[in-house]
Amino acid sequence: MPSPTQAADTRLESLVEQHRDLPGALLPMLHAIQDEFGHVPDSAVPVIAQGLNLSRAEVHGVITFYHHFRQHPPGRHVVQICRAEACQAVGAVALEAHAKKCLGIDFHDTTADGAVTLEAVYCLGNCAVGPSLRVDDDIVGRVTPARFDEVIAELRSEATA
């Protein structure tokens, strides 16, 4: 029976192989890896580089350029705050400040208890009812600081239930 590390290495190599011949293969490959592992592990960079005949620096540069890609595992829940203009016009800037203060973290960080990773996103397509959040796969509209606190309390209570 393969170890968890061996199984992950095998899965990573399989994802690289599945995507290597696609046009512009690097981005779809990175998305597939993050979908599988929750982040793009450092150990994936040389495997991707070799599979696409790129330098490690080129792969690392793409991972760090796009905010969507995580280099570390996320918290149990990912909370994204929409920072597009429509949401900013109805309070997203104040919501963002409240969220950072409430959680004690900045964007791309995870709370000390591992419950929440906070991320920025640049349009959730929920413009008519902004400011909006995506909590894992669910969109929440008309989010006030008080509603944000409720959402976070719900997420944390799930962990203790």
C-alpha atoms as a PDB file:
ATOM      1  CA  MET A   1       0.000   0.000   0.000  1.00  0.00           C
ATOM      2  CA  PRO A   2       1.538   3.364  -1.004  1.00  0.00           C
ATOM      3  CA  SER A   3       2.154   5.988   1.669  1.00  0.00           C
ATOM      4  CA  PRO A   4       0.107   9.214   1.605  1.00  0.00           C
ATOM      5  CA  THR A   5       3.157  11.044   0.235  1.00  0.00           C
ATOM      6  CA  GLN A   6       3.640   8.481  -2.542  1.00  0.00           C
ATOM      7  CA  ALA A   7      -0.059   8.640  -3.414  1.00  0.00           C
ATOM      8  CA  ALA A   8       0.091  12.460  -3.592  1.00  0.00           C
ATOM      9  CA  ASP A   9       3.219  12.318  -5.764  1.00  0.00           C
ATOM     10  CA  THR A  10       1.524   9.852  -8.098  1.00  0.00           C
ATOM     11  CA  ARG A  11      -1.594  12.038  -8.312  1.00  0.00           C
ATOM     12  CA  LEU A  12       0.525  15.129  -8.992  1.00  0.00           C
ATOM     13  CA  GLU A  13       2.427  13.380 -11.787  1.00  0.00           C
ATOM     14  CA  SER A  14      -0.878  12.200 -13.252  1.00  0.00           C
ATOM     15  CA  LEU A  15      -2.287  15.748 -13.267  1.00  0.00           C
ATOM     16  CA  VAL A  16       0.834  17.076 -14.974  1.00  0.00           C
ATOM     17  CA  GLU A  17       0.601  14.323 -17.580  1.00  0.00           C
ATOM     18  CA  GLN A  18      -3.125  14.961 -18.177  1.00  0.00           C
ATOM     19  CA  HIS A  19      -2.615  18.687 -18.814  1.00  0.00           C
ATOM     20  CA  ARG A  20       0.840  18.923 -20.414  1.00  0.00           C
ATOM     21  CA  ASP A  21      -0.367  18.834 -24.024  1.00  0.00           C
ATOM     22  CA  LEU A  22      -3.147  21.399 -23.650  1.00  0.00           C
ATOM     23  CA  PRO A  23      -2.615  24.797 -25.276  1.00  0.00           C
ATOM     24  CA  GLY A  24      -1.376  27.120 -22.528  1.00  0.00           C
ATOM     25  CA  ALA A  25      -1.093  24.092 -20.250  1.00  0.00           C
ATOM     26  CA  LEU A  26       0.375  25.816 -17.194  1.00  0.00           C
ATOM     27  CA  LEU A  27      -2.764  27.599 -15.974  1.00  0.00           C
ATOM     28  CA  PRO A  28      -5.155  24.645 -16.383  1.00  0.00           C
ATOM     29  CA  MET A  29      -2.528  22.450 -14.726  1.00  0.00           C
ATOM     30  CA  LEU A  30      -2.193  24.792 -11.751  1.00  0.00           C
ATOM     31  CA  HIS A  31      -5.978  24.954 -11.384  1.00  0.00           C
ATOM     32  CA  ALA A  32      -6.229  21.149 -11.440  1.00  0.00           C
ATOM     33  CA  ILE A  33      -3.465  20.802  -8.853  1.00  0.00           C
ATOM     34  CA  GLN A  34      -5.051  23.369  -6.554  1.00  0.00           C
ATOM     35  CA  ASP A  35      -8.462  21.727  -6.978  1.00  0.00           C
ATOM     36  CA  GLU A  36      -6.928  18.392  -5.990  1.00  0.00           C
ATOM     37  CA  PHE A  37      -4.714  19.486  -3.085  1.00  0.00           C
ATOM     38  CA  GLY A  38      -6.313  22.770  -1.958  1.00  0.00           C
ATOM     39  CA  HIS A  39      -3.106  24.612  -2.862  1.00  0.00           C
ATOM     40  CA  VAL A  40      -0.090  24.315  -5.148  1.00  0.00           C
ATOM     41  CA  PRO A  41       2.544  22.676  -2.954  1.00  0.00           C
ATOM     42  CA  ASP A  42       6.173  23.750  -3.292  1.00  0.00           C
ATOM     43  CA  SER A  43       7.006  20.167  -4.229  1.00  0.00           C
ATOM     44  CA  ALA A  44       4.838  20.537  -7.346  1.00  0.00           C
ATOM     45  CA  VAL A  45       6.973  23.301  -8.870  1.00  0.00           C
ATOM     46  CA  PRO A  46       9.855  21.096 -10.119  1.00  0.00           C
ATOM     47  CA  VAL A  47       7.429  18.431 -11.371  1.00  0.00           C
ATOM     48  CA  ILE A  48       5.454  21.027 -13.331  1.00  0.00           C
ATOM     49  CA  ALA A  49       8.625  22.683 -14.620  1.00  0.00           C
ATOM     50  CA  GLN A  50      10.014  19.398 -15.879  1.00  0.00           C
ATOM     51  CA  GLY A  51       6.673  18.348 -17.390  1.00  0.00           C
ATOM     52  CA  LEU A  52       6.348  21.603 -19.351  1.00  0.00           C
ATOM     53  CA  ASN A  53      10.043  22.181 -20.047  1.00  0.00           C
ATOM     54  CA  LEU A  54       9.975  25.439 -18.086  1.00  0.00           C
ATOM     55  CA  SER A  55      12.275  26.746 -15.408  1.00  0.00           C
ATOM     56  CA  ARG A  56      11.188  26.521 -11.782  1.00  0.00           C
ATOM     57  CA  ALA A  57      11.350  30.323 -11.701  1.00  0.00           C
ATOM     58  CA  GLU A  58       8.837  30.567 -14.555  1.00  0.00           C
ATOM     59  CA  VAL A  59       6.395  28.260 -12.773  1.00  0.00           C
ATOM     60  CA  HIS A  60       6.888  30.012  -9.430  1.00  0.00           C
ATOM     61  CA  GLY A  61       6.394  33.395 -11.140  1.00  0.00           C
ATOM     62  CA  VAL A  62       2.983  32.380 -12.468  1.00  0.00           C
ATOM     63  CA  ILE A  63       1.900  30.916  -9.125  1.00  0.00           C
ATOM     64  CA  THR A  64       2.828  34.094  -7.272  1.00  0.00           C
ATOM     65  CA  PHE A  65       1.466  36.462  -9.940  1.00  0.00           C
ATOM     66  CA  TYR A  66      -2.101  35.148  -9.755  1.00  0.00           C
ATOM     67  CA  HIS A  67      -3.701  35.700  -6.344  1.00  0.00           C
ATOM     68  CA  HIS A  68      -6.035  32.774  -6.944  1.00  0.00           C
ATOM     69  CA  PHE A  69      -3.250  30.257  -6.425  1.00  0.00           C
ATOM     70  CA  ARG A  70      -2.401  29.337  -2.847  1.00  0.00           C
ATOM     71  CA  GLN A  71       1.028  28.092  -1.846  1.00  0.00           C
ATOM     72  CA  HIS A  72      -0.174  26.807   1.532  1.00  0.00           C
ATOM     73  CA  PRO A  73      -3.206  24.770   2.535  1.00  0.00           C
ATOM     74  CA  PRO A  74      -6.267  26.928   3.201  1.00  0.00           C
ATOM     75  CA  GLY A  75      -8.287  26.966   6.392  1.00  0.00           C
ATOM     76  CA  ARG A  76     -11.320  24.760   6.796  1.00  0.00           C
ATOM     77  CA  HIS A  77     -13.350  27.546   5.157  1.00  0.00           C
ATOM     78  CA  VAL A  78     -12.348  30.070   2.502  1.00  0.00           C
ATOM     79  CA  VAL A  79     -14.062  33.451   2.732  1.00  0.00           C
ATOM     80  CA  GLN A  80     -13.660  35.709  -0.285  1.00  0.00           C
ATOM     81  CA  ILE A  81     -14.678  39.362  -0.225  1.00  0.00           C
ATOM     82  CA  CYS A  82     -15.637  40.918  -3.535  1.00  0.00           C
ATOM     83  CA  ARG A  83     -13.467  43.943  -4.270  1.00  0.00           C
ATOM     84  CA  ALA A  84     -15.000  44.886  -7.626  1.00  0.00           C
ATOM     85  CA  GLU A  85     -16.222  48.437  -8.129  1.00  0.00           C
ATOM     86  CA  ALA A  86     -19.930  47.668  -7.712  1.00  0.00           C
ATOM     87  CA  CYS A  87     -19.335  46.113  -4.294  1.00  0.00           C
ATOM     88  CA  GLN A  88     -16.916  48.874  -3.309  1.00  0.00           C
ATOM     89  CA  ALA A  89     -19.610  51.425  -4.091  1.00  0.00           C
ATOM     90  CA  VAL A  90     -21.918  49.856  -1.514  1.00  0.00           C
ATOM     91  CA  GLY A  91     -19.551  49.232   1.378  1.00  0.00           C
ATOM     92  CA  ALA A  92     -17.013  46.539   0.499  1.00  0.00           C
ATOM     93  CA  VAL A  93     -14.055  48.674   1.627  1.00  0.00           C
ATOM     94  CA  ALA A  94     -15.498  49.039   5.130  1.00  0.00           C
ATOM     95  CA  LEU A  95     -16.464  45.352   5.106  1.00  0.00           C
ATOM     96  CA  GLU A  96     -12.921  44.396   4.132  1.00  0.00           C
ATOM     97  CA  ALA A  97     -11.479  46.449   7.021  1.00  0.00           C
ATOM     98  CA  HIS A  98     -13.984  44.909   9.435  1.00  0.00           C
ATOM     99  CA  ALA A  99     -13.218  41.365   8.239  1.00  0.00           C
ATOM    100  CA  LYS A 100      -9.467  41.819   8.644  1.00  0.00           C
ATOM    101  CA  LYS A 101      -9.920  43.254  12.133  1.00  0.00           C
ATOM    102  CA  CYS A 102     -12.488  40.639  13.178  1.00  0.00           C
ATOM    103  CA  LEU A 103     -10.355  37.729  11.994  1.00  0.00           C
ATOM    104  CA  GLY A 104      -7.016  39.275  12.938  1.00  0.00           C
ATOM    105  CA  ILE A 105      -5.541  38.463   9.534  1.00  0.00           C
ATOM    106  CA  ASP A 106      -4.926  40.019   6.131  1.00  0.00           C
ATOM    107  CA  PHE A 107      -5.872  38.715   2.709  1.00  0.00           C
ATOM    108  CA  HIS A 108      -4.209  35.374   1.865  1.00  0.00           C
ATOM    109  CA  ASP A 109      -3.795  34.512   5.552  1.00  0.00           C
ATOM    110  CA  THR A 110      -5.487  31.899   7.716  1.00  0.00           C
ATOM    111  CA  THR A 111      -6.739  32.387  11.259  1.00  0.00           C
ATOM    112  CA  ALA A 112      -4.633  30.850  14.019  1.00  0.00           C
ATOM    113  CA  ASP A 113      -7.315  28.224  14.688  1.00  0.00           C
ATOM    114  CA  GLY A 114      -7.203  27.143  11.031  1.00  0.00           C
ATOM    115  CA  ALA A 115     -10.896  27.905  10.584  1.00  0.00           C
ATOM    116  CA  VAL A 116     -10.862  30.671   7.957  1.00  0.00           C
ATOM    117  CA  THR A 117      -8.679  31.773   5.070  1.00  0.00           C
ATOM    118  CA  LEU A 118      -9.496  35.303   3.880  1.00  0.00           C
ATOM    119  CA  GLU A 119      -9.124  36.134   0.199  1.00  0.00           C
ATOM    120  CA  ALA A 120      -9.979  38.955  -2.165  1.00  0.00           C
ATOM    121  CA  VAL A 121     -11.925  38.262  -5.323  1.00  0.00           C
ATOM    122  CA  TYR A 122     -12.674  40.667  -8.149  1.00  0.00           C
ATOM    123  CA  CYS A 123     -16.310  40.014  -8.985  1.00  0.00           C
ATOM    124  CA  LEU A 124     -18.677  37.327  -7.882  1.00  0.00           C
ATOM    125  CA  GLY A 125     -21.347  38.326 -10.390  1.00  0.00           C
ATOM    126  CA  ASN A 126     -23.628  39.338  -7.531  1.00  0.00           C
ATOM    127  CA  CYS A 127     -23.391  43.060  -8.190  1.00  0.00           C
ATOM    128  CA  ALA A 128     -27.042  43.931  -7.557  1.00  0.00           C
ATOM    129  CA  VAL A 129     -26.854  42.785  -3.931  1.00  0.00           C
ATOM    130  CA  GLY A 130     -23.352  43.790  -2.881  1.00  0.00           C
ATOM    131  CA  PRO A 131     -21.213  43.833  -1.006  1.00  0.00           C
ATOM    132  CA  SER A 132     -20.860  40.102  -1.482  1.00  0.00           C
ATOM    133  CA  LEU A 133     -18.879  37.208  -0.097  1.00  0.00           C
ATOM    134  CA  ARG A 134     -18.203  33.708  -1.273  1.00  0.00           C
ATOM    135  CA  VAL A 135     -18.004  31.342   1.669  1.00  0.00           C
ATOM    136  CA  ASP A 136     -16.565  28.107   0.329  1.00  0.00           C
ATOM    137  CA  ASP A 137     -18.970  27.578  -2.601  1.00  0.00           C
ATOM    138  CA  ASP A 138     -21.864  29.730  -1.371  1.00  0.00           C
ATOM    139  CA  ILE A 139     -22.470  33.358  -2.356  1.00  0.00           C
ATOM    140  CA  VAL A 140     -23.799  35.719   0.323  1.00  0.00           C
ATOM    141  CA  GLY A 141     -25.133  39.153  -0.643  1.00  0.00           C
ATOM    142  CA  ARG A 142     -25.840  42.398   1.182  1.00  0.00           C
ATOM    143  CA  VAL A 143     -23.152  41.643   3.732  1.00  0.00           C
ATOM    144  CA  THR A 144     -22.856  44.184   6.517  1.00  0.00           C
ATOM    145  CA  PRO A 145     -20.213  43.947   9.240  1.00  0.00           C
ATOM    146  CA  ALA A 146     -22.885  42.449  11.525  1.00  0.00           C
ATOM    147  CA  ARG A 147     -23.828  39.850   8.886  1.00  0.00           C
ATOM    148  CA  PHE A 148     -20.131  39.054   8.401  1.00  0.00           C
ATOM    149  CA  ASP A 149     -19.831  38.370  12.131  1.00  0.00           C
ATOM    150  CA  GLU A 150     -22.848  36.030  11.934  1.00  0.00           C
ATOM    151  CA  VAL A 151     -21.340  34.124   9.006  1.00  0.00           C
ATOM    152  CA  ILE A 152     -18.037  33.679  10.830  1.00  0.00           C
ATOM    153  CA  ALA A 153     -19.821  32.576  14.018  1.00  0.00           C
ATOM    154  CA  GLU A 154     -21.727  29.966  11.979  1.00  0.00           C
ATOM    155  CA  LEU A 155     -18.491  28.649  10.458  1.00  0.00           C
ATOM    156  CA  ARG A 156     -16.792  28.404  13.819  1.00  0.00           C
ATOM    157  CA  SER A 157     -19.819  26.735  15.430  1.00  0.00           C
ATOM    158  CA  GLU A 158     -19.743  24.042  12.719  1.00  0.00           C
ATOM    159  CA  ALA A 159     -16.220  23.149  13.833  1.00  0.00           C
ATOM    160  CA  THR A 160     -17.339  22.615  17.424  1.00  0.00           C
ATOM    161  CA  ALA A 161     -20.566  20.771  16.576  1.00  0.00           C
END
